[in-house]
Each structure stands twice: as C-alpha cells, then as structure tokens.
Protein backbone atom coordinates (compact mmCIF):
# COMPACT_ATOMS: atom_id res chain seq x y z
CA MET A 1 29.20 -19.52 -34.56
CA ALA A 2 31.17 -17.32 -32.23
CA CYS A 3 33.14 -20.28 -30.93
CA ALA A 4 34.59 -21.14 -34.34
CA GLN A 5 35.58 -17.55 -34.83
CA THR A 6 37.28 -17.40 -31.48
CA LEU A 7 39.25 -20.54 -32.21
CA LEU A 8 40.14 -19.17 -35.70
CA ARG A 9 41.55 -16.03 -33.92
CA ALA A 10 43.62 -18.21 -31.64
CA ALA A 11 44.93 -20.05 -34.57
CA ARG A 12 45.87 -16.95 -36.30
CA GLN A 13 47.74 -15.85 -33.46
CA GLU A 14 49.57 -19.21 -33.02
CA LEU A 15 50.64 -18.89 -36.73
CA ARG A 16 52.00 -15.39 -36.40
CA GLY A 17 53.82 -16.26 -33.14
CA GLY A 18 55.31 -19.40 -35.01
CA GLY A 19 54.15 -21.24 -31.96
CA GLY A 20 52.75 -24.34 -34.08
CA GLY A 21 54.26 -26.59 -31.50
CA GLY A 22 54.62 -29.44 -34.26
CA VAL A 23 50.85 -28.79 -35.54
CA ILE A 24 50.56 -29.87 -39.12
CA ALA A 25 47.99 -27.43 -40.79
CA LYS A 26 45.65 -29.73 -42.77
CA PRO A 27 41.99 -30.02 -43.41
CA ASP A 28 39.95 -32.72 -41.50
CA PRO A 29 36.66 -33.50 -43.25
CA LEU A 30 35.35 -35.13 -40.12
CA ILE A 31 35.60 -31.86 -38.18
CA HIS A 32 34.76 -29.42 -40.80
CA PRO A 33 31.04 -29.54 -40.81
CA ILE A 34 30.13 -26.39 -38.64
CA THR A 35 28.21 -28.27 -36.02
CA ARG A 36 31.08 -30.69 -35.47
CA LEU A 37 33.55 -27.83 -35.59
CA SER A 38 31.69 -25.87 -32.87
CA ILE A 39 31.54 -29.14 -30.77
CA CYS A 40 35.38 -29.70 -31.09
CA GLY A 41 35.96 -25.95 -30.53
CA LEU A 42 33.96 -25.63 -27.45
CA LEU A 43 35.71 -28.77 -26.12
CA ALA A 44 38.83 -27.54 -26.86
CA ALA A 45 38.42 -24.19 -25.20
CA GLY A 46 36.46 -25.54 -22.21
CA ALA A 47 37.34 -27.57 -19.15
CA ASP A 48 38.71 -31.12 -19.24
CA TRP A 49 34.99 -32.44 -19.13
CA VAL A 50 32.15 -30.79 -20.30
CA GLU A 51 28.56 -31.74 -19.42
CA PHE A 52 26.00 -32.52 -22.16
CA ALA A 53 23.73 -29.70 -21.23
CA ALA A 54 26.45 -27.19 -21.07
CA LEU A 55 27.78 -28.06 -24.48
CA ARG A 56 24.37 -28.35 -26.08
CA GLU A 57 23.56 -24.87 -24.84
CA ALA A 58 26.86 -23.17 -25.87
CA ALA A 59 26.68 -24.83 -29.44
CA GLY A 60 23.08 -23.77 -29.78
CA ILE A 61 22.05 -27.23 -31.06
CA SER A 62 19.44 -29.84 -30.03
CA ASP A 63 19.75 -32.84 -27.90
CA SER A 64 19.41 -35.08 -30.94
CA VAL A 65 22.06 -33.16 -33.02
CA LEU A 66 24.61 -33.25 -30.17
CA SER A 67 24.01 -37.01 -29.57
CA LYS A 68 24.25 -37.91 -33.21
CA GLN A 69 27.36 -35.52 -34.00
CA SER A 70 29.16 -36.75 -30.63
CA ARG A 71 28.67 -40.42 -31.56
CA VAL A 72 30.46 -39.72 -34.86
CA LEU A 73 33.35 -37.86 -33.17
CA GLU A 74 33.56 -40.50 -30.47
CA ASP A 75 33.63 -43.42 -33.36
CA ALA A 76 36.76 -41.42 -34.88
CA GLY A 77 38.55 -41.43 -31.81
CA TYR A 78 38.29 -37.59 -31.14
CA VAL A 79 36.07 -37.49 -28.24
CA GLU A 80 35.73 -39.33 -25.12
CA VAL A 81 32.38 -39.84 -23.46
CA ARG A 82 31.67 -40.66 -19.65
CA LYS A 83 28.35 -41.45 -18.36
CA GLY A 84 27.30 -41.34 -14.61
CA ALA A 85 24.72 -39.67 -12.46
CA VAL A 86 24.49 -36.61 -10.09
CA GLY A 87 22.02 -37.61 -7.58
CA ARG A 88 19.70 -39.90 -9.32
CA ARG A 89 19.97 -37.86 -12.48
CA PRO A 90 21.83 -39.33 -15.35
CA ARG A 91 24.57 -37.21 -16.95
CA THR A 92 26.93 -37.29 -19.81
CA TRP A 93 30.26 -35.67 -20.08
CA PHE A 94 32.60 -35.18 -23.03
CA ARG A 95 36.15 -34.14 -23.68
CA LEU A 96 38.67 -34.15 -26.46
CA THR A 97 41.06 -37.16 -26.79
CA PRO A 98 44.63 -36.18 -27.48
CA GLN A 99 44.07 -37.38 -31.15
CA GLY A 100 40.96 -35.04 -31.25
CA ARG A 101 42.92 -32.01 -29.94
CA GLN A 102 45.52 -32.76 -32.46
CA ALA A 103 42.99 -32.83 -35.26
CA VAL A 104 41.26 -29.74 -34.07
CA GLN A 105 44.71 -27.74 -34.03
CA GLY A 106 45.73 -28.78 -37.45
CA HIS A 107 42.06 -27.94 -38.77
CA LEU A 108 42.12 -24.67 -37.19
CA ALA A 109 45.64 -23.97 -38.49
CA TRP A 110 44.54 -24.82 -41.97
CA LEU A 111 41.62 -22.63 -41.76
CA ALA A 112 43.86 -19.79 -40.63
CA GLN A 113 46.23 -20.24 -43.50
CA LEU A 114 43.23 -20.57 -45.86
CA GLU A 115 42.02 -17.17 -44.58
CA GLN A 116 45.33 -15.56 -44.82
CA SER A 117 45.58 -16.68 -48.46
CA VAL A 118 42.08 -15.33 -49.25
CA SER A 119 42.77 -12.04 -47.58
CA ALA A 120 46.22 -11.61 -49.35
CA GLY A 121 44.50 -12.52 -52.71
CA ALA A 122 41.56 -10.03 -52.07
CA ARG A 123 44.16 -7.26 -51.22
CA ASP A 124 46.06 -8.07 -54.37
CA LEU A 125 42.83 -7.80 -56.40
CA GLN A 126 41.93 -4.43 -54.82
CA GLN A 127 45.31 -3.05 -55.74
CA ALA A 128 45.07 -4.35 -59.26
CA THR A 129 41.38 -3.02 -59.99
CA PRO A 130 41.39 0.27 -61.70
CA PRO A 131 39.20 3.13 -60.06
CA ALA A 132 35.59 2.95 -60.78
CA GLY A 133 33.84 5.54 -62.81
CA GLY A 134 36.07 5.44 -65.97
CA GLU A 135 38.84 7.81 -64.63
CA ALA A 136 41.98 7.82 -66.54
CA PRO A 137 45.12 6.64 -64.76
CA ALA A 138 47.34 9.29 -63.31
CA GLY A 139 49.51 10.82 -66.00
CA GLY A 140 48.06 9.19 -68.91
CA GLU A 141 45.12 9.18 -71.25
CA ALA A 142 41.99 6.77 -70.83
CA PRO A 143 42.36 3.54 -72.57
CA ALA A 144 40.68 3.29 -75.91
CA GLY A 145 37.98 0.88 -75.86
C-alpha cells in the first residue's frame, strides 16, 4: 500500500540522518500485518484525530475490517478511540497513543534496516555473479567444467 511505502521512505531518511531520537528498531508482530500497518501509518502521518470514514477510505478497507483491526490495536493500547456525534449522526475518531506511535516508529525503523540489508545482499550477489553467456573472465581462460 502506498501509505506503508511513504512511511518506509521516511524511516529510511531518519536512519540516514541519524535522527532516530531514541527509537529502537524492532519488529512488532501486532503492527506487521499490512492492514494494521496501513492503519497505524495513516494515523501516524495524519492529523491528531482521524475520522472513521476518512481512515477507511485512505486504507482502502471495509467498515468491518477497520472495526476489527482497530479493536485489536485499541486493546493493545496503540490506538485511542473517541465516539461522538456530528449533528445527529454518530461518528468515531481514532488516534495513535504515545505507546502506539513508539511501536510504529520502531517497526518502521526495523523495516528500513531490513530493506537496507536485503539491498546490500542483492548488490553483493550481483557483483559476485559471473556474466551470463559463458564468457571467460577478463584476462583468463574459461573454467573447465
């Protein structure tokens, strides 16, 4: 999802700039599923309180999925829920708690480190792989084989 990619980009920039601000990079199994990661990412990037419909639309999920996943996040202490009304219509708003914000930042820092490790490994593998087509290495003979 685009939100997760945007947050991963921000985490990469923070790692490069050394501005971790005491964030400990560690995976959070509660946030890791993509739907919860999207919800947390949108709440981290959005305004203080985000209305149910706006969060549902931005995450591209159904009412029931948002209700279920937000309950899991609320029970863990990562999301705070406020219910009220606008006119006569009931409304629900969400925001990350300080604990939730810290968990999201730590998880995103871990993802950024993981991406750096995988990218470095892929570069190393590319450099170590001989050219395709059975070409002999420069200045030598083709290996017997």
